[in-house]
Protein backbone atom coordinates (compact mmCIF):
# COMPACT_ATOMS: atom_id res chain seq x y z
CA MET A 1 0.00 0.00 0.00
CA ASN A 2 1.47 3.33 -1.09
CA PRO A 3 0.20 6.88 -0.64
CA THR A 4 -1.91 8.18 -3.49
CA ASP A 5 -0.97 11.11 -5.70
CA HIS A 6 -3.39 13.21 -3.64
CA VAL A 7 -1.53 12.39 -0.42
CA LEU A 8 1.83 13.13 -2.02
CA ASP A 9 0.53 16.42 -3.39
CA MET A 10 -0.90 17.50 -0.03
CA PHE A 11 2.42 16.84 1.71
CA ALA A 12 4.33 18.40 -1.22
CA VAL A 13 6.66 15.45 -1.74
CA PRO A 14 7.79 13.54 -4.86
CA GLY A 15 6.43 10.17 -5.89
CA ASP A 16 9.69 8.21 -5.79
CA LEU A 17 9.07 6.24 -2.62
CA GLU A 18 11.48 4.28 -0.44
CA PRO A 19 10.01 1.60 1.88
CA LEU A 20 10.99 2.05 5.55
CA ALA A 21 10.55 0.15 8.77
CA GLY A 22 7.73 1.41 10.99
CA GLY A 23 4.09 2.21 10.36
CA GLN A 24 3.33 -1.52 10.70
CA GLY A 25 5.68 -2.17 7.80
CA HIS A 26 4.10 0.33 5.40
CA SER A 27 5.96 3.60 6.12
CA VAL A 28 7.73 5.16 3.15
CA ARG A 29 10.23 7.91 2.61
CA ALA A 30 9.07 10.57 0.17
CA GLY A 31 11.56 13.36 -0.27
CA ASP A 32 12.46 14.72 3.15
CA LEU A 33 9.39 13.23 4.85
CA VAL A 34 8.39 9.85 6.25
CA LEU A 35 4.77 9.02 5.45
CA SER A 36 3.00 6.49 7.68
CA PRO A 37 -0.46 5.00 7.08
CA GLY A 38 -3.33 4.05 9.34
CA ARG A 39 -3.32 7.25 11.41
CA ASP A 40 -6.42 8.35 13.29
CA PRO A 41 -7.15 12.03 12.54
CA GLU A 42 -8.69 12.61 15.97
CA ILE A 43 -5.57 11.33 17.72
CA GLN A 44 -3.10 13.07 15.42
CA ASN A 45 -4.92 16.40 15.54
CA ALA A 46 -4.47 16.39 19.32
CA LEU A 47 -1.04 14.76 19.46
CA SER A 48 0.99 16.18 16.57
CA PRO A 49 0.88 19.90 17.51
CA MET A 50 2.09 19.10 21.03
CA LEU A 51 4.91 16.90 19.79
CA ALA A 52 5.93 19.40 17.14
CA ARG A 53 6.29 22.17 19.73
CA LEU A 54 8.26 19.93 22.07
CA ALA A 55 10.47 18.69 19.21
CA VAL A 56 11.40 22.27 18.29
CA GLU A 57 12.09 23.12 21.92
CA LEU A 58 14.37 20.12 22.40
CA ASP A 59 16.28 20.79 19.16
CA THR A 60 16.81 24.50 19.97
CA ARG A 61 17.25 24.36 23.76
CA PRO A 62 20.18 26.50 24.99
CA GLY A 63 23.04 24.32 26.14
CA ARG A 64 21.87 21.37 24.13
CA VAL A 65 24.51 18.74 23.37
CA ARG A 66 24.44 16.52 20.30
CA ARG A 67 23.37 13.37 22.17
CA ASP A 68 20.38 14.90 23.96
CA LEU A 69 16.93 13.39 23.38
CA ARG A 70 15.05 14.33 20.23
CA ILE A 71 11.54 13.71 18.82
CA ALA A 72 10.79 13.03 15.16
CA MET A 73 9.12 16.23 13.99
CA PRO A 74 5.48 15.84 12.87
CA VAL A 75 4.80 17.81 9.67
CA PRO A 76 1.36 19.03 8.56
CA ALA A 77 0.01 18.93 5.04
CA ARG A 78 -0.26 22.04 2.90
CA ASP A 79 -3.76 22.76 4.20
CA GLY A 80 -2.65 22.48 7.83
CA SER A 81 -4.17 19.05 8.42
CA TRP A 82 -2.13 16.40 10.19
CA VAL A 83 -3.66 13.38 8.42
CA VAL A 84 -4.55 12.99 4.73
CA ASP A 85 -6.49 9.87 3.77
CA GLY A 86 -5.06 8.08 6.79
CA TRP A 87 -1.45 9.16 6.14
CA ALA A 88 0.61 11.31 8.52
CA ALA A 89 4.07 12.76 8.01
CA SER A 90 7.21 13.35 10.04
CA ARG A 91 10.60 14.76 9.13
CA PHE A 92 12.98 12.15 7.70
CA GLU A 93 16.08 11.71 9.87
CA PRO A 94 19.05 10.70 7.69
CA GLY A 95 21.71 8.40 9.05
CA THR A 96 19.56 6.87 11.77
CA ARG A 97 19.47 3.29 12.96
CA PRO A 98 17.01 1.51 15.23
CA ILE A 99 17.74 1.16 18.95
CA THR A 100 16.65 -2.20 20.31
CA ASP A 101 18.87 -2.26 23.41
CA LEU A 102 16.49 -2.48 26.37
CA ALA A 103 18.56 -0.41 28.78
CA ALA A 104 18.80 2.39 26.21
CA THR A 105 15.07 2.17 25.55
CA ARG A 106 14.20 2.44 29.23
CA ALA A 107 16.58 5.37 29.70
CA ALA A 108 15.25 7.24 26.66
CA GLY A 109 11.68 6.55 27.73
CA ALA A 110 12.32 7.96 31.18
CA MET A 111 13.83 11.10 29.61
CA PHE A 112 10.91 11.45 27.20
CA HIS A 113 8.33 11.15 29.97
CA ALA A 114 10.27 13.63 32.10
CA GLU A 115 10.17 16.11 29.21
CA LEU A 116 6.42 15.61 28.80
CA LEU A 117 5.93 16.36 32.50
CA ARG A 118 8.29 19.33 32.45
CA ALA A 119 6.43 20.81 29.49
CA GLY A 120 3.11 20.24 31.24
CA LEU A 121 1.77 18.19 28.34
CA GLN A 122 -1.39 16.25 29.13
CA TRP A 123 -3.11 13.52 27.19
CA THR A 124 -6.84 12.85 27.24
CA PRO A 125 -7.59 9.47 25.64
CA VAL A 126 -9.43 9.76 22.35
CA GLY A 127 -10.50 7.20 19.80
CA ASP A 128 -11.80 3.70 20.35
CA ASP A 129 -9.34 1.44 18.55
CA ARG A 130 -8.43 -2.02 19.79
CA TRP A 131 -5.43 -0.73 21.72
CA GLN A 132 -7.49 1.79 23.66
CA VAL A 133 -10.09 -0.86 24.42
CA ALA A 134 -7.41 -3.34 25.48
CA CYS A 135 -5.86 -0.76 27.79
CA ARG A 136 -9.18 -0.05 29.48
CA ILE A 137 -9.80 -3.77 30.00
CA ALA A 138 -6.27 -4.28 31.33
CA PHE A 139 -6.87 -1.65 34.00
CA GLY A 140 -10.31 -2.96 34.91
CA ASN A 141 -12.23 -0.09 33.33
CA GLU A 142 -14.11 -2.58 31.16
CA PRO A 143 -14.85 -6.28 31.75
CA VAL A 144 -12.71 -9.05 30.32
CA PRO A 145 -14.45 -10.65 27.32
CA ALA A 146 -15.84 -14.06 28.22
CA ASP A 147 -14.18 -15.64 25.18
CA ALA A 148 -10.70 -14.27 25.97
CA PRO A 149 -7.87 -16.84 26.30
CA ALA A 150 -7.53 -18.55 29.67
CA LEU A 151 -4.27 -16.69 30.28
CA VAL A 152 -6.14 -13.39 30.07
CA HIS A 153 -8.58 -14.48 32.76
CA ALA A 154 -5.75 -15.78 34.95
CA LEU A 155 -3.87 -12.50 34.70
CA ALA A 156 -7.02 -10.50 35.33
CA ASP A 157 -7.57 -12.50 38.52
CA GLU A 158 -4.03 -11.60 39.64
CA ARG A 159 -4.71 -7.87 39.61
CA ASP A 160 -5.01 -6.07 42.93
CA ASP A 161 -5.25 -2.46 44.09
CA THR A 162 -1.49 -1.81 44.40
CA ASP A 163 -0.69 1.82 43.56
CA LEU A 164 1.24 2.02 40.27
CA GLY A 165 1.81 5.77 40.51
CA PRO A 166 -0.03 8.71 38.98
CA ASP A 167 -1.47 8.68 35.49
CA GLN A 168 0.45 10.79 32.99
CA PHE A 169 1.04 11.15 29.26
CA VAL A 170 3.11 8.08 28.29
CA HIS A 171 4.44 6.40 25.15
CA GLY A 172 2.89 2.92 25.16
CA ASP A 173 4.92 1.47 22.27
CA LEU A 174 8.49 2.72 22.56
CA THR A 175 10.33 -0.57 21.95
CA GLY A 176 11.05 -0.62 18.22
CA ASN A 177 10.08 3.04 17.92
CA LEU A 178 13.37 4.57 18.97
CA LEU A 179 16.19 5.61 16.64
CA LEU A 180 19.77 6.73 17.11
CA ASP A 181 20.55 9.68 14.86
CA ALA A 182 23.81 10.42 13.09
CA GLN A 183 25.00 12.51 16.05
CA GLY A 184 24.27 9.78 18.59
CA ALA A 185 21.03 11.24 19.95
CA PRO A 186 18.01 9.02 20.68
CA VAL A 187 15.02 9.99 18.53
CA VAL A 188 11.50 9.05 19.65
CA ILE A 189 9.17 8.14 16.78
CA ASP A 190 5.58 6.93 16.33
CA VAL A 191 4.33 8.04 19.74
CA ALA A 192 1.45 5.85 20.95
CA PRO A 193 -0.20 8.11 23.54
CA TYR A 194 -1.88 6.86 26.70
CA ARG A 195 -2.74 8.37 30.06
CA ARG A 196 -1.45 5.72 32.43
CA PRO A 197 1.32 5.29 35.02
CA HIS A 198 4.88 5.45 33.74
CA LEU A 199 5.54 2.06 35.37
CA TRP A 200 2.93 0.44 33.12
CA ALA A 201 4.46 1.93 29.97
CA GLU A 202 7.89 0.71 31.04
CA ALA A 203 6.48 -2.77 31.64
CA VAL A 204 5.11 -2.78 28.08
CA TRP A 205 8.53 -1.81 26.70
CA VAL A 206 10.23 -4.58 28.67
CA LEU A 207 7.66 -7.19 27.69
CA ASP A 208 7.91 -6.25 24.01
CA ALA A 209 11.71 -6.26 24.12
CA VAL A 210 11.90 -9.72 25.67
CA MET A 211 9.20 -11.21 23.44
CA TRP A 212 10.08 -9.74 20.06
CA PHE A 213 13.50 -8.04 20.16
CA GLY A 214 15.77 -10.61 21.80
CA ALA A 215 16.25 -8.88 25.16
CA ASP A 216 17.53 -10.97 28.06
CA PRO A 217 14.54 -12.61 29.81
CA ALA A 218 16.24 -11.72 33.09
CA ALA A 219 14.87 -8.20 32.52
CA MET A 220 11.53 -9.60 33.68
CA ASP A 221 13.05 -10.00 37.16
CA ASP A 222 12.55 -6.26 37.70
CA PHE A 223 8.80 -6.88 37.37
CA ALA A 224 8.45 -10.00 39.50
CA ALA A 225 6.75 -8.59 42.60
CA GLY A 226 4.86 -5.65 44.08
CA ALA A 227 3.90 -2.66 41.94
CA PRO A 228 6.18 -3.68 39.05
CA ARG A 229 4.48 -7.10 38.90
CA GLN A 230 1.06 -5.45 38.82
CA ALA A 231 2.28 -3.18 36.02
CA MET A 232 3.54 -6.20 34.09
CA VAL A 233 0.24 -8.03 34.57
CA ARG A 234 -1.56 -5.07 33.00
CA ALA A 235 1.06 -4.80 30.24
CA ALA A 236 0.57 -8.47 29.35
CA LEU A 237 -3.21 -8.11 29.40
CA PHE A 238 -2.91 -5.07 27.14
CA ARG A 239 -0.82 -6.94 24.58
CA LEU A 240 -2.84 -10.18 24.75
CA LEU A 241 -6.06 -8.26 24.16
CA SER A 242 -4.76 -6.01 21.37
CA ASP A 243 -2.61 -8.45 19.36
CA ARG A 244 -4.41 -10.01 16.40
CA PRO A 245 -4.08 -12.91 17.10
CA PRO A 246 -2.06 -13.12 20.33
CA ASP A 247 0.71 -15.70 20.58
CA VAL A 248 -0.54 -17.06 23.89
CA GLY A 249 2.22 -19.66 24.11
CA ALA A 250 4.91 -16.98 23.77
CA PHE A 251 3.30 -14.91 26.51
CA GLU A 252 3.11 -17.95 28.78
CA ARG A 253 6.81 -18.67 28.27
CA VAL A 254 7.93 -15.09 28.90
CA LEU A 255 5.68 -14.46 31.88
CA GLY A 256 6.66 -17.85 33.30
CA VAL A 257 10.28 -16.70 33.53
CA SER A 258 9.45 -14.13 36.20
CA ALA A 259 7.01 -16.50 37.93
CA ARG A 260 9.67 -19.19 38.38
CA ARG A 261 12.51 -16.95 39.43
């Protein structure tokens, strides 16, 4: 699936497209922009202006050093809209490579969330996609579907009222959505916005890294008890309920590591 001529015209980019990682495997480079499909206009209209302002601030902050955190700059279309026929744009970052190291991901995520708090940026959940629904179910805001896998029901029964910390604007899908630019700075891309505790978002990053990016399963030890365990339970519920279809066996193996240790 490629952007149409109308999309290319609205973002003022040429039609010679280069496939890129990201955007669920459908992102393309067009000129100096990255175009990504499947974007919800309601979400992007709220999210992109905030991220664009913060990206400019981080890039122009006095005293900035070359390895300080950056955010991929969202770019509007010629008419000011942030989404055209489901496609959204961000500035292409030349010379980047993906970061899959879990320690680097957790460190960059902590910095990103600190910047969101410092800037006073808030996120009010919008939309009703499967990820938003899964998140609500994971936190007990909606009931678990009766036909959910047995592992989902078992994890739901494990939840308790342990305090996970305050809700804030978090990136719920940072693993695999972090780049290292040519100057050595981490660049946050494809922000998946949620209003949940930071500990939950970090648990999602760790779970994703262990399951899909080859991270050491020992990382799950940090989430074996107390509030971290409750965050991981909700992270696993979130992924099990939003994946289509979920690899239940893989979840059982990964979650069993922390249960046995």
